[in-house]
Amino acid sequence: MPNFVIEYSASLAQQINEKTLMDSVFEGAKNSGHFPPEAIKLRTEKRSGFRLYGKQKDFLHISAHILSGRTDQQKSEISNAVLSELKTLALNSVFVSVEVVDIHRASFVDFEY
């Protein structure tokens, strides 16, 4: 825990590869100071179907799924640390957003083989 889902427009792959996206989000999550590096999990979801009404051609959205119980300040620190790393990427015409999503502790279960 936590799980970072990196959702992005398929055409963004012309500017940046998945590994670089994951590395950037990982560094931001680590730099937030809220998670040990070995606990951070990442996955990507490339989207071919989407619509933006602004001037941006592509999108990049990060959802940080964390167990509930953190303060709004802590959540803001997490999202801003990730966004700070993403801002260092040389991207053009991309709408970038980051959100923190609480996972309900009482119903969350996991298993490791």
PDB file of N, CA and C in Angstrom:
ATOM      1  N   MET A   1       0.862  -1.147   0.000  1.00  0.00           N
ATOM      2  CA  MET A   1       0.000   0.000   0.000  1.00  0.00           C
ATOM      3  C   MET A   1       0.907   1.206   0.000  1.00  0.00           C
ATOM      4  N   PRO A   2       0.756   2.189  -0.700  1.00  0.00           N
ATOM      5  CA  PRO A   2      -0.355   2.659  -1.529  1.00  0.00           C
ATOM      6  C   PRO A   2      -0.280   2.139  -2.964  1.00  0.00           C
ATOM      7  N   ASN A   3      -1.383   2.307  -3.685  1.00  0.00           N
ATOM      8  CA  ASN A   3      -1.442   1.945  -5.101  1.00  0.00           C
ATOM      9  C   ASN A   3      -1.622   3.215  -5.927  1.00  0.00           C
ATOM     10  N   PHE A   4      -0.677   3.479  -6.813  1.00  0.00           N
ATOM     11  CA  PHE A   4      -0.753   4.639  -7.695  1.00  0.00           C
ATOM     12  C   PHE A   4      -1.152   4.158  -9.084  1.00  0.00           C
ATOM     13  N   VAL A   5      -2.278   4.664  -9.566  1.00  0.00           N
ATOM     14  CA  VAL A   5      -2.771   4.318 -10.891  1.00  0.00           C
ATOM     15  C   VAL A   5      -2.467   5.502 -11.811  1.00  0.00           C
ATOM     16  N   ILE A   6      -1.692   5.240 -12.839  1.00  0.00           N
ATOM     17  CA  ILE A   6      -1.279   6.262 -13.796  1.00  0.00           C
ATOM     18  C   ILE A   6      -2.124   6.076 -15.048  1.00  0.00           C
ATOM     19  N   GLU A   7      -3.073   6.949 -15.224  1.00  0.00           N
ATOM     20  CA  GLU A   7      -3.983   6.880 -16.369  1.00  0.00           C
ATOM     21  C   GLU A   7      -3.570   7.976 -17.356  1.00  0.00           C
ATOM     22  N   TYR A   8      -3.451   7.618 -18.623  1.00  0.00           N
ATOM     23  CA  TYR A   8      -2.978   8.606 -19.589  1.00  0.00           C
ATOM     24  C   TYR A   8      -3.508   8.317 -20.984  1.00  0.00           C
ATOM     25  N   SER A   9      -3.529   9.355 -21.799  1.00  0.00           N
ATOM     26  CA  SER A   9      -3.978   9.210 -23.180  1.00  0.00           C
ATOM     27  C   SER A   9      -2.949   8.420 -23.976  1.00  0.00           C
ATOM     28  N   ALA A  10      -3.438   7.557 -24.834  1.00  0.00           N
ATOM     29  CA  ALA A  10      -2.548   6.696 -25.620  1.00  0.00           C
ATOM     30  C   ALA A  10      -1.557   7.513 -26.443  1.00  0.00           C
ATOM     31  N   SER A  11      -1.997   8.642 -26.954  1.00  0.00           N
ATOM     32  CA  SER A  11      -1.109   9.458 -27.782  1.00  0.00           C
ATOM     33  C   SER A  11       0.009  10.118 -26.974  1.00  0.00           C
ATOM     34  N   LEU A  12      -0.111  10.150 -25.650  1.00  0.00           N
ATOM     35  CA  LEU A  12       0.962  10.688 -24.810  1.00  0.00           C
ATOM     36  C   LEU A  12       2.222   9.836 -24.932  1.00  0.00           C
ATOM     37  N   ALA A  13       2.070   8.585 -25.314  1.00  0.00           N
ATOM     38  CA  ALA A  13       3.218   7.681 -25.487  1.00  0.00           C
ATOM     39  C   ALA A  13       4.171   8.173 -26.573  1.00  0.00           C
ATOM     40  N   GLN A  14       3.733   9.106 -27.399  1.00  0.00           N
ATOM     41  CA  GLN A  14       4.625   9.699 -28.391  1.00  0.00           C
ATOM     42  C   GLN A  14       5.623  10.657 -27.743  1.00  0.00           C
ATOM     43  N   GLN A  15       5.293  11.120 -26.528  1.00  0.00           N
ATOM     44  CA  GLN A  15       6.157  12.059 -25.814  1.00  0.00           C
ATOM     45  C   GLN A  15       6.979  11.411 -24.701  1.00  0.00           C
ATOM     46  N   ILE A  16       6.449  10.353 -24.111  1.00  0.00           N
ATOM     47  CA  ILE A  16       7.085   9.777 -22.927  1.00  0.00           C
ATOM     48  C   ILE A  16       6.726   8.298 -22.830  1.00  0.00           C
ATOM     49  N   ASN A  17       7.623   7.486 -22.278  1.00  0.00           N
ATOM     50  CA  ASN A  17       7.319   6.058 -22.151  1.00  0.00           C
ATOM     51  C   ASN A  17       6.799   5.731 -20.752  1.00  0.00           C
ATOM     52  N   GLU A  18       6.204   4.554 -20.628  1.00  0.00           N
ATOM     53  CA  GLU A  18       5.602   4.134 -19.358  1.00  0.00           C
ATOM     54  C   GLU A  18       6.609   4.085 -18.216  1.00  0.00           C
ATOM     55  N   LYS A  19       7.794   3.600 -18.477  1.00  0.00           N
ATOM     56  CA  LYS A  19       8.802   3.494 -17.422  1.00  0.00           C
ATOM     57  C   LYS A  19       9.120   4.859 -16.831  1.00  0.00           C
ATOM     58  N   THR A  20       9.265   5.860 -17.684  1.00  0.00           N
ATOM     59  CA  THR A  20       9.560   7.210 -17.198  1.00  0.00           C
ATOM     60  C   THR A  20       8.395   7.758 -16.384  1.00  0.00           C
ATOM     61  N   LEU A  21       7.173   7.512 -16.836  1.00  0.00           N
ATOM     62  CA  LEU A  21       6.001   7.932 -16.059  1.00  0.00           C
ATOM     63  C   LEU A  21       5.998   7.264 -14.684  1.00  0.00           C
ATOM     64  N   MET A  22       6.213   5.952 -14.661  1.00  0.00           N
ATOM     65  CA  MET A  22       6.208   5.237 -13.390  1.00  0.00           C
ATOM     66  C   MET A  22       7.347   5.703 -12.485  1.00  0.00           C
ATOM     67  N   ASP A  23       8.528   5.924 -13.058  1.00  0.00           N
ATOM     68  CA  ASP A  23       9.660   6.408 -12.264  1.00  0.00           C
ATOM     69  C   ASP A  23       9.350   7.759 -11.635  1.00  0.00           C
ATOM     70  N   SER A  24       8.724   8.639 -12.397  1.00  0.00           N
ATOM     71  CA  SER A  24       8.396   9.971 -11.903  1.00  0.00           C
ATOM     72  C   SER A  24       7.372   9.910 -10.766  1.00  0.00           C
ATOM     73  N   VAL A  25       6.325   9.128 -10.943  1.00  0.00           N
ATOM     74  CA  VAL A  25       5.308   8.994  -9.897  1.00  0.00           C
ATOM     75  C   VAL A  25       5.908   8.330  -8.656  1.00  0.00           C
ATOM     76  N   PHE A  26       6.736   7.312  -8.862  1.00  0.00           N
ATOM     77  CA  PHE A  26       7.393   6.647  -7.739  1.00  0.00           C
ATOM     78  C   PHE A  26       8.230   7.642  -6.938  1.00  0.00           C
ATOM     79  N   GLU A  27       9.030   8.454  -7.621  1.00  0.00           N
ATOM     80  CA  GLU A  27       9.878   9.433  -6.931  1.00  0.00           C
ATOM     81  C   GLU A  27       9.031  10.431  -6.147  1.00  0.00           C
ATOM     82  N   GLY A  28       7.946  10.891  -6.748  1.00  0.00           N
ATOM     83  CA  GLY A  28       7.062  11.812  -6.046  1.00  0.00           C
ATOM     84  C   GLY A  28       6.450  11.189  -4.810  1.00  0.00           C
ATOM     85  N   ALA A  29       5.978   9.951  -4.941  1.00  0.00           N
ATOM     86  CA  ALA A  29       5.387   9.248  -3.792  1.00  0.00           C
ATOM     87  C   ALA A  29       6.423   9.063  -2.688  1.00  0.00           C
ATOM     88  N   LYS A  30       7.618   8.666  -3.077  1.00  0.00           N
ATOM     89  CA  LYS A  30       8.702   8.468  -2.117  1.00  0.00           C
ATOM     90  C   LYS A  30       9.069   9.795  -1.448  1.00  0.00           C
ATOM     91  N   ASN A  31       9.182  10.850  -2.237  1.00  0.00           N
ATOM     92  CA  ASN A  31       9.570  12.157  -1.717  1.00  0.00           C
ATOM     93  C   ASN A  31       8.512  12.798  -0.823  1.00  0.00           C
ATOM     94  N   SER A  32       7.288  12.304  -0.900  1.00  0.00           N
ATOM     95  CA  SER A  32       6.240  12.848  -0.022  1.00  0.00           C
ATOM     96  C   SER A  32       6.554  12.554   1.440  1.00  0.00           C
ATOM     97  N   GLY A  33       7.342  11.513   1.668  1.00  0.00           N
ATOM     98  CA  GLY A  33       7.696  11.147   3.038  1.00  0.00           C
ATOM     99  C   GLY A  33       6.636  10.356   3.779  1.00  0.00           C
ATOM    100  N   HIS A  34       5.583   9.971   3.090  1.00  0.00           N
ATOM    101  CA  HIS A  34       4.482   9.264   3.745  1.00  0.00           C
ATOM    102  C   HIS A  34       4.499   7.754   3.552  1.00  0.00           C
ATOM    103  N   PHE A  35       5.394   7.254   2.684  1.00  0.00           N
ATOM    104  CA  PHE A  35       5.412   5.818   2.388  1.00  0.00           C
ATOM    105  C   PHE A  35       6.839   5.304   2.304  1.00  0.00           C
ATOM    106  N   PRO A  36       7.093   4.114   2.837  1.00  0.00           N
ATOM    107  CA  PRO A  36       8.404   3.505   2.580  1.00  0.00           C
ATOM    108  C   PRO A  36       8.442   3.068   1.116  1.00  0.00           C
ATOM    109  N   PRO A  37       9.580   3.230   0.453  1.00  0.00           N
ATOM    110  CA  PRO A  37       9.653   2.912  -0.980  1.00  0.00           C
ATOM    111  C   PRO A  37       9.173   1.506  -1.325  1.00  0.00           C
ATOM    112  N   GLU A  38       9.465   0.535  -0.481  1.00  0.00           N
ATOM    113  CA  GLU A  38       9.085  -0.847  -0.785  1.00  0.00           C
ATOM    114  C   GLU A  38       7.572  -1.082  -0.737  1.00  0.00           C
ATOM    115  N   ALA A  39       6.817  -0.133  -0.191  1.00  0.00           N
ATOM    116  CA  ALA A  39       5.358  -0.285  -0.105  1.00  0.00           C
ATOM    117  C   ALA A  39       4.631   0.317  -1.305  1.00  0.00           C
ATOM    118  N   ILE A  40       5.318   1.132  -2.094  1.00  0.00           N
ATOM    119  CA  ILE A  40       4.676   1.848  -3.198  1.00  0.00           C
ATOM    120  C   ILE A  40       4.452   0.902  -4.383  1.00  0.00           C
ATOM    121  N   LYS A  41       3.206   0.867  -4.848  1.00  0.00           N
ATOM    122  CA  LYS A  41       2.841   0.037  -6.004  1.00  0.00           C
ATOM    123  C   LYS A  41       2.329   0.957  -7.105  1.00  0.00           C
ATOM    124  N   LEU A  42       2.673   0.625  -8.339  1.00  0.00           N
ATOM    125  CA  LEU A  42       2.291   1.450  -9.488  1.00  0.00           C
ATOM    126  C   LEU A  42       1.701   0.591 -10.591  1.00  0.00           C
ATOM    127  N   ARG A  43       0.765   1.162 -11.327  1.00  0.00           N
ATOM    128  CA  ARG A  43       0.281   0.508 -12.540  1.00  0.00           C
ATOM    129  C   ARG A  43      -0.191   1.594 -13.501  1.00  0.00           C
ATOM    130  N   THR A  44      -0.170   1.252 -14.768  1.00  0.00           N
ATOM    131  CA  THR A  44      -0.573   2.210 -15.793  1.00  0.00           C
ATOM    132  C   THR A  44      -1.829   1.742 -16.505  1.00  0.00           C
ATOM    133  N   GLU A  45      -2.588   2.716 -16.985  1.00  0.00           N
ATOM    134  CA  GLU A  45      -3.783   2.468 -17.778  1.00  0.00           C
ATOM    135  C   GLU A  45      -3.791   3.453 -18.937  1.00  0.00           C
ATOM    136  N   LYS A  46      -3.502   2.940 -20.119  1.00  0.00           N
ATOM    137  CA  LYS A  46      -3.478   3.764 -21.329  1.00  0.00           C
ATOM    138  C   LYS A  46      -4.900   3.849 -21.885  1.00  0.00           C
ATOM    139  N   ARG A  47      -5.351   5.071 -22.191  1.00  0.00           N
ATOM    140  CA  ARG A  47      -6.711   5.288 -22.691  1.00  0.00           C
ATOM    141  C   ARG A  47      -6.694   5.801 -24.128  1.00  0.00           C
ATOM    142  N   SER A  48      -7.359   5.073 -25.004  1.00  0.00           N
ATOM    143  CA  SER A  48      -7.449   5.535 -26.383  1.00  0.00           C
ATOM    144  C   SER A  48      -8.699   6.384 -26.591  1.00  0.00           C
ATOM    145  N   GLY A  49      -9.710   6.169 -25.795  1.00  0.00           N
ATOM    146  CA  GLY A  49     -10.940   6.947 -25.919  1.00  0.00           C
ATOM    147  C   GLY A  49     -11.050   7.961 -24.793  1.00  0.00           C
ATOM    148  N   PHE A  50     -11.045   9.232 -25.143  1.00  0.00           N
ATOM    149  CA  PHE A  50     -11.193  10.310 -24.166  1.00  0.00           C
ATOM    150  C   PHE A  50     -11.545  11.588 -24.916  1.00  0.00           C
ATOM    151  N   ARG A  51     -12.023  12.581 -24.181  1.00  0.00           N
ATOM    152  CA  ARG A  51     -12.352  13.863 -24.794  1.00  0.00           C
ATOM    153  C   ARG A  51     -11.947  14.969 -23.832  1.00  0.00           C
ATOM    154  N   LEU A  52     -11.196  15.924 -24.338  1.00  0.00           N
ATOM    155  CA  LEU A  52     -10.808  17.113 -23.581  1.00  0.00           C
ATOM    156  C   LEU A  52     -11.413  18.329 -24.273  1.00  0.00           C
ATOM    157  N   TYR A  53     -11.950  19.248 -23.508  1.00  0.00           N
ATOM    158  CA  TYR A  53     -12.566  20.426 -24.104  1.00  0.00           C
ATOM    159  C   TYR A  53     -11.672  21.653 -24.030  1.00  0.00           C
ATOM    160  N   GLY A  54     -10.522  21.508 -23.399  1.00  0.00           N
ATOM    161  CA  GLY A  54      -9.574  22.619 -23.354  1.00  0.00           C
ATOM    162  C   GLY A  54      -8.638  22.556 -24.536  1.00  0.00           C
ATOM    163  N   LYS A  55      -7.557  23.281 -24.439  1.00  0.00           N
ATOM    164  CA  LYS A  55      -6.587  23.333 -25.530  1.00  0.00           C
ATOM    165  C   LYS A  55      -5.615  22.161 -25.520  1.00  0.00           C
ATOM    166  N   GLN A  56      -5.577  21.390 -24.413  1.00  0.00           N
ATOM    167  CA  GLN A  56      -4.633  20.286 -24.311  1.00  0.00           C
ATOM    168  C   GLN A  56      -5.016  19.137 -25.236  1.00  0.00           C
ATOM    169  N   LYS A  57      -3.983  18.514 -25.781  1.00  0.00           N
ATOM    170  CA  LYS A  57      -4.168  17.380 -26.680  1.00  0.00           C
ATOM    171  C   LYS A  57      -4.229  16.062 -25.906  1.00  0.00           C
ATOM    172  N   ASP A  58      -3.485  15.976 -24.812  1.00  0.00           N
ATOM    173  CA  ASP A  58      -3.365  14.737 -24.037  1.00  0.00           C
ATOM    174  C   ASP A  58      -3.701  14.969 -22.572  1.00  0.00           C
ATOM    175  N   PHE A  59      -3.846  13.852 -21.839  1.00  0.00           N
ATOM    176  CA  PHE A  59      -4.058  13.955 -20.401  1.00  0.00           C
ATOM    177  C   PHE A  59      -3.194  12.943 -19.663  1.00  0.00           C
ATOM    178  N   LEU A  60      -2.951  13.256 -18.396  1.00  0.00           N
ATOM    179  CA  LEU A  60      -2.219  12.391 -17.477  1.00  0.00           C
ATOM    180  C   LEU A  60      -2.869  12.576 -16.119  1.00  0.00           C
ATOM    181  N   HIS A  61      -3.455  11.506 -15.587  1.00  0.00           N
ATOM    182  CA  HIS A  61      -4.146  11.590 -14.296  1.00  0.00           C
ATOM    183  C   HIS A  61      -3.611  10.506 -13.375  1.00  0.00           C
ATOM    184  N   ILE A  62      -3.220  10.907 -12.178  1.00  0.00           N
ATOM    185  CA  ILE A  62      -2.696   9.985 -11.185  1.00  0.00           C
ATOM    186  C   ILE A  62      -3.701   9.874 -10.051  1.00  0.00           C
ATOM    187  N   SER A  63      -4.087   8.641  -9.719  1.00  0.00           N
ATOM    188  CA  SER A  63      -4.932   8.370  -8.555  1.00  0.00           C
ATOM    189  C   SER A  63      -4.096   7.605  -7.547  1.00  0.00           C
ATOM    190  N   ALA A  64      -3.941   8.195  -6.383  1.00  0.00           N
ATOM    191  CA  ALA A  64      -3.195   7.547  -5.295  1.00  0.00           C
ATOM    192  C   ALA A  64      -4.209   6.925  -4.341  1.00  0.00           C
ATOM    193  N   HIS A  65      -4.315   5.616  -4.374  1.00  0.00           N
ATOM    194  CA  HIS A  65      -5.250   4.897  -3.509  1.00  0.00           C
ATOM    195  C   HIS A  65      -4.514   4.533  -2.219  1.00  0.00           C
ATOM    196  N   ILE A  66      -4.967   5.124  -1.108  1.00  0.00           N
ATOM    197  CA  ILE A  66      -4.312   4.908   0.182  1.00  0.00           C
ATOM    198  C   ILE A  66      -5.357   4.506   1.221  1.00  0.00           C
ATOM    199  N   LEU A  67      -4.911   3.792   2.246  1.00  0.00           N
ATOM    200  CA  LEU A  67      -5.833   3.429   3.319  1.00  0.00           C
ATOM    201  C   LEU A  67      -6.319   4.687   4.028  1.00  0.00           C
ATOM    202  N   SER A  68      -7.589   4.720   4.365  1.00  0.00           N
ATOM    203  CA  SER A  68      -8.190   5.887   5.001  1.00  0.00           C
ATOM    204  C   SER A  68      -7.519   6.186   6.343  1.00  0.00           C
ATOM    205  N   GLY A  69      -7.635   7.433   6.754  1.00  0.00           N
ATOM    206  CA  GLY A  69      -7.097   7.845   8.043  1.00  0.00           C
ATOM    207  C   GLY A  69      -6.115   9.001   7.968  1.00  0.00           C
ATOM    208  N   ARG A  70      -5.681   9.353   6.775  1.00  0.00           N
ATOM    209  CA  ARG A  70      -4.748  10.486   6.636  1.00  0.00           C
ATOM    210  C   ARG A  70      -5.527  11.808   6.664  1.00  0.00           C
ATOM    211  N   THR A  71      -4.849  12.836   7.133  1.00  0.00           N
ATOM    212  CA  THR A  71      -5.468  14.159   7.176  1.00  0.00           C
ATOM    213  C   THR A  71      -5.489  14.777   5.784  1.00  0.00           C
ATOM    214  N   ASP A  72      -6.291  15.825   5.629  1.00  0.00           N
ATOM    215  CA  ASP A  72      -6.310  16.551   4.359  1.00  0.00           C
ATOM    216  C   ASP A  72      -4.925  17.124   4.054  1.00  0.00           C
ATOM    217  N   GLN A  73      -4.221  17.582   5.069  1.00  0.00           N
ATOM    218  CA  GLN A  73      -2.868  18.120   4.872  1.00  0.00           C
ATOM    219  C   GLN A  73      -1.931  17.039   4.329  1.00  0.00           C
ATOM    220  N   GLN A  74      -1.989  15.851   4.906  1.00  0.00           N
ATOM    221  CA  GLN A  74      -1.144  14.749   4.436  1.00  0.00           C
ATOM    222  C   GLN A  74      -1.476  14.376   2.991  1.00  0.00           C
ATOM    223  N   LYS A  75      -2.755  14.325   2.672  1.00  0.00           N
ATOM    224  CA  LYS A  75      -3.171  14.004   1.303  1.00  0.00           C
ATOM    225  C   LYS A  75      -2.675  15.068   0.333  1.00  0.00           C
ATOM    226  N   SER A  76      -2.742  16.318   0.734  1.00  0.00           N
ATOM    227  CA  SER A  76      -2.243  17.405  -0.096  1.00  0.00           C
ATOM    228  C   SER A  76      -0.735  17.286  -0.302  1.00  0.00           C
ATOM    229  N   GLU A  77      -0.006  16.910   0.721  1.00  0.00           N
ATOM    230  CA  GLU A  77       1.442  16.719   0.603  1.00  0.00           C
ATOM    231  C   GLU A  77       1.769  15.614  -0.396  1.00  0.00           C
ATOM    232  N   ILE A  78       0.992  14.538  -0.370  1.00  0.00           N
ATOM    233  CA  ILE A  78       1.202  13.417  -1.293  1.00  0.00           C
ATOM    234  C   ILE A  78       0.948  13.862  -2.731  1.00  0.00           C
ATOM    235  N   SER A  79      -0.209  14.470  -2.977  1.00  0.00           N
ATOM    236  CA  SER A  79      -0.544  14.863  -4.349  1.00  0.00           C
ATOM    237  C   SER A  79       0.419  15.931  -4.868  1.00  0.00           C
ATOM    238  N   ASN A  80       0.814  16.868  -4.045  1.00  0.00           N
ATOM    239  CA  ASN A  80       1.737  17.911  -4.489  1.00  0.00           C
ATOM    240  C   ASN A  80       3.141  17.371  -4.740  1.00  0.00           C
ATOM    241  N   ALA A  81       3.575  16.393  -3.960  1.00  0.00           N
ATOM    242  CA  ALA A  81       4.895  15.781  -4.196  1.00  0.00           C
ATOM    243  C   ALA A  81       4.918  15.053  -5.534  1.00  0.00           C
ATOM    244  N   VAL A  82       3.844  14.344  -5.852  1.00  0.00           N
ATOM    245  CA  VAL A  82       3.758  13.651  -7.140  1.00  0.00           C
ATOM    246  C   VAL A  82       3.692  14.667  -8.278  1.00  0.00           C
ATOM    247  N   LEU A  83       2.859  15.695  -8.119  1.00  0.00           N
ATOM    248  CA  LEU A  83       2.740  16.710  -9.165  1.00  0.00           C
ATOM    249  C   LEU A  83       4.073  17.426  -9.396  1.00  0.00           C
ATOM    250  N   SER A  84       4.819  17.685  -8.345  1.00  0.00           N
ATOM    251  CA  SER A  84       6.126  18.341  -8.490  1.00  0.00           C
ATOM    252  C   SER A  84       7.059  17.530  -9.381  1.00  0.00           C
ATOM    253  N   GLU A  85       7.063  16.217  -9.201  1.00  0.00           N
ATOM    254  CA  GLU A  85       7.897  15.358 -10.060  1.00  0.00           C
ATOM    255  C   GLU A  85       7.406  15.375 -11.502  1.00  0.00           C
ATOM    256  N   LEU A  86       6.093  15.327 -11.684  1.00  0.00           N
ATOM    257  CA  LEU A  86       5.538  15.325 -13.040  1.00  0.00           C
ATOM    258  C   LEU A  86       5.839  16.627 -13.769  1.00  0.00           C
ATOM    259  N   LYS A  87       5.915  17.726 -13.034  1.00  0.00           N
ATOM    260  CA  LYS A  87       6.204  19.025 -13.644  1.00  0.00           C
ATOM    261  C   LYS A  87       7.616  19.092 -14.216  1.00  0.00           C
ATOM    262  N   THR A  88       8.494  18.212 -13.798  1.00  0.00           N
ATOM    263  CA  THR A  88       9.867  18.221 -14.314  1.00  0.00           C
ATOM    264  C   THR A  88       9.975  17.532 -15.675  1.00  0.00           C
ATOM    265  N   LEU A  89       8.923  16.837 -16.084  1.00  0.00           N
ATOM    266  CA  LEU A  89       8.940  16.150 -17.382  1.00  0.00           C
ATOM    267  C   LEU A  89       8.741  17.159 -18.511  1.00  0.00           C
ATOM    268  N   ALA A  90       9.376  16.933 -19.608  1.00  0.00           N
ATOM    269  CA  ALA A  90       9.265  17.831 -20.760  1.00  0.00           C
ATOM    270  C   ALA A  90       8.081  17.406 -21.629  1.00  0.00           C
ATOM    271  N   LEU A  91       6.882  17.757 -21.188  1.00  0.00           N
ATOM    272  CA  LEU A  91       5.667  17.385 -21.913  1.00  0.00           C
ATOM    273  C   LEU A  91       5.046  18.615 -22.557  1.00  0.00           C
ATOM    274  N   ASN A  92       4.309  18.400 -23.643  1.00  0.00           N
ATOM    275  CA  ASN A  92       3.634  19.489 -24.346  1.00  0.00           C
ATOM    276  C   ASN A  92       2.154  19.191 -24.491  1.00  0.00           C
ATOM    277  N   SER A  93       1.336  20.198 -24.236  1.00  0.00           N
ATOM    278  CA  SER A  93      -0.108  20.132 -24.447  1.00  0.00           C
ATOM    279  C   SER A  93      -0.749  18.964 -23.703  1.00  0.00           C
ATOM    280  N   VAL A  94      -0.470  18.899 -22.386  1.00  0.00           N
ATOM    281  CA  VAL A  94      -0.982  17.811 -21.549  1.00  0.00           C
ATOM    282  C   VAL A  94      -1.697  18.398 -20.331  1.00  0.00           C
ATOM    283  N   PHE A  95      -2.910  17.931 -20.055  1.00  0.00           N
ATOM    284  CA  PHE A  95      -3.613  18.279 -18.832  1.00  0.00           C
ATOM    285  C   PHE A  95      -3.204  17.253 -17.777  1.00  0.00           C
ATOM    286  N   VAL A  96      -2.610  17.712 -16.680  1.00  0.00           N
ATOM    287  CA  VAL A  96      -2.088  16.827 -15.635  1.00  0.00           C
ATOM    288  C   VAL A  96      -2.877  17.044 -14.357  1.00  0.00           C
ATOM    289  N   SER A  97      -3.280  15.938 -13.711  1.00  0.00           N
ATOM    290  CA  SER A  97      -3.992  16.034 -12.436  1.00  0.00           C
ATOM    291  C   SER A  97      -3.595  14.871 -11.531  1.00  0.00           C
ATOM    292  N   VAL A  98      -3.715  15.113 -10.228  1.00  0.00           N
ATOM    293  CA  VAL A  98      -3.395  14.101  -9.216  1.00  0.00           C
ATOM    294  C   VAL A  98      -4.485  14.154  -8.156  1.00  0.00           C
ATOM    295  N   GLU A  99      -4.949  12.989  -7.727  1.00  0.00           N
ATOM    296  CA  GLU A  99      -5.929  12.921  -6.641  1.00  0.00           C
ATOM    297  C   GLU A  99      -5.521  11.823  -5.664  1.00  0.00           C
ATOM    298  N   VAL A 100      -5.978  11.970  -4.426  1.00  0.00           N
ATOM    299  CA  VAL A 100      -5.776  10.945  -3.413  1.00  0.00           C
ATOM    300  C   VAL A 100      -7.149  10.358  -3.093  1.00  0.00           C
ATOM    301  N   VAL A 101      -7.241   9.037  -3.154  1.00  0.00           N
ATOM    302  CA  VAL A 101      -8.501   8.332  -2.934  1.00  0.00           C
ATOM    303  C   VAL A 101      -8.365   7.461  -1.688  1.00  0.00           C
ATOM    304  N   ASP A 102      -9.282   7.642  -0.749  1.00  0.00           N
ATOM    305  CA  ASP A 102      -9.283   6.809   0.463  1.00  0.00           C
ATOM    306  C   ASP A 102      -9.822   5.419   0.168  1.00  0.00           C
ATOM    307  N   ILE A 103      -9.141   4.418   0.679  1.00  0.00           N
ATOM    308  CA  ILE A 103      -9.621   3.040   0.641  1.00  0.00           C
ATOM    309  C   ILE A 103     -10.234   2.732   2.003  1.00  0.00           C
ATOM    310  N   HIS A 104     -11.434   2.239   1.996  1.00  0.00           N
ATOM    311  CA  HIS A 104     -12.140   1.909   3.234  1.00  0.00           C
ATOM    312  C   HIS A 104     -11.402   0.791   3.970  1.00  0.00           C
ATOM    313  N   ARG A 105     -10.845   1.098   5.126  1.00  0.00           N
ATOM    314  CA  ARG A 105     -10.015   0.136   5.868  1.00  0.00           C
ATOM    315  C   ARG A 105     -10.765  -1.146   6.240  1.00  0.00           C
ATOM    316  N   ALA A 106     -11.998  -1.001   6.679  1.00  0.00           N
ATOM    317  CA  ALA A 106     -12.747  -2.160   7.170  1.00  0.00           C
ATOM    318  C   ALA A 106     -13.033  -3.182   6.081  1.00  0.00           C
ATOM    319  N   SER A 107     -13.095  -2.732   4.833  1.00  0.00           N
ATOM    320  CA  SER A 107     -13.440  -3.665   3.758  1.00  0.00           C
ATOM    321  C   SER A 107     -12.247  -4.057   2.891  1.00  0.00           C
ATOM    322  N   PHE A 108     -11.103  -3.430   3.093  1.00  0.00           N
ATOM    323  CA  PHE A 108      -9.945  -3.736   2.267  1.00  0.00           C
ATOM    324  C   PHE A 108      -9.262  -5.023   2.729  1.00  0.00           C
ATOM    325  N   VAL A 109      -9.005  -5.901   1.781  1.00  0.00           N
ATOM    326  CA  VAL A 109      -8.237  -7.114   2.061  1.00  0.00           C
ATOM    327  C   VAL A 109      -7.214  -7.292   0.945  1.00  0.00           C
ATOM    328  N   ASP A 110      -6.111  -7.909   1.257  1.00  0.00           N
ATOM    329  CA  ASP A 110      -5.134  -8.233   0.222  1.00  0.00           C
ATOM    330  C   ASP A 110      -4.439  -9.527   0.590  1.00  0.00           C
ATOM    331  N   PHE A 111      -3.669 -10.040  -0.342  1.00  0.00           N
ATOM    332  CA  PHE A 111      -3.010 -11.311  -0.159  1.00  0.00           C
ATOM    333  C   PHE A 111      -1.747 -11.300  -0.998  1.00  0.00           C
ATOM    334  N   GLU A 112      -0.713 -11.895  -0.473  1.00  0.00           N
ATOM    335  CA  GLU A 112       0.542 -11.959  -1.204  1.00  0.00           C
ATOM    336  C   GLU A 112       1.004 -13.407  -1.264  1.00  0.00           C
ATOM    337  N   TYR A 113       1.304 -13.900  -2.448  1.00  0.00           N
ATOM    338  CA  TYR A 113       1.772 -15.264  -2.622  1.00  0.00           C
ATOM    339  C   TYR A 113       3.231 -15.362  -2.269  1.00  0.00           C
TER     340      TYR A 113
END
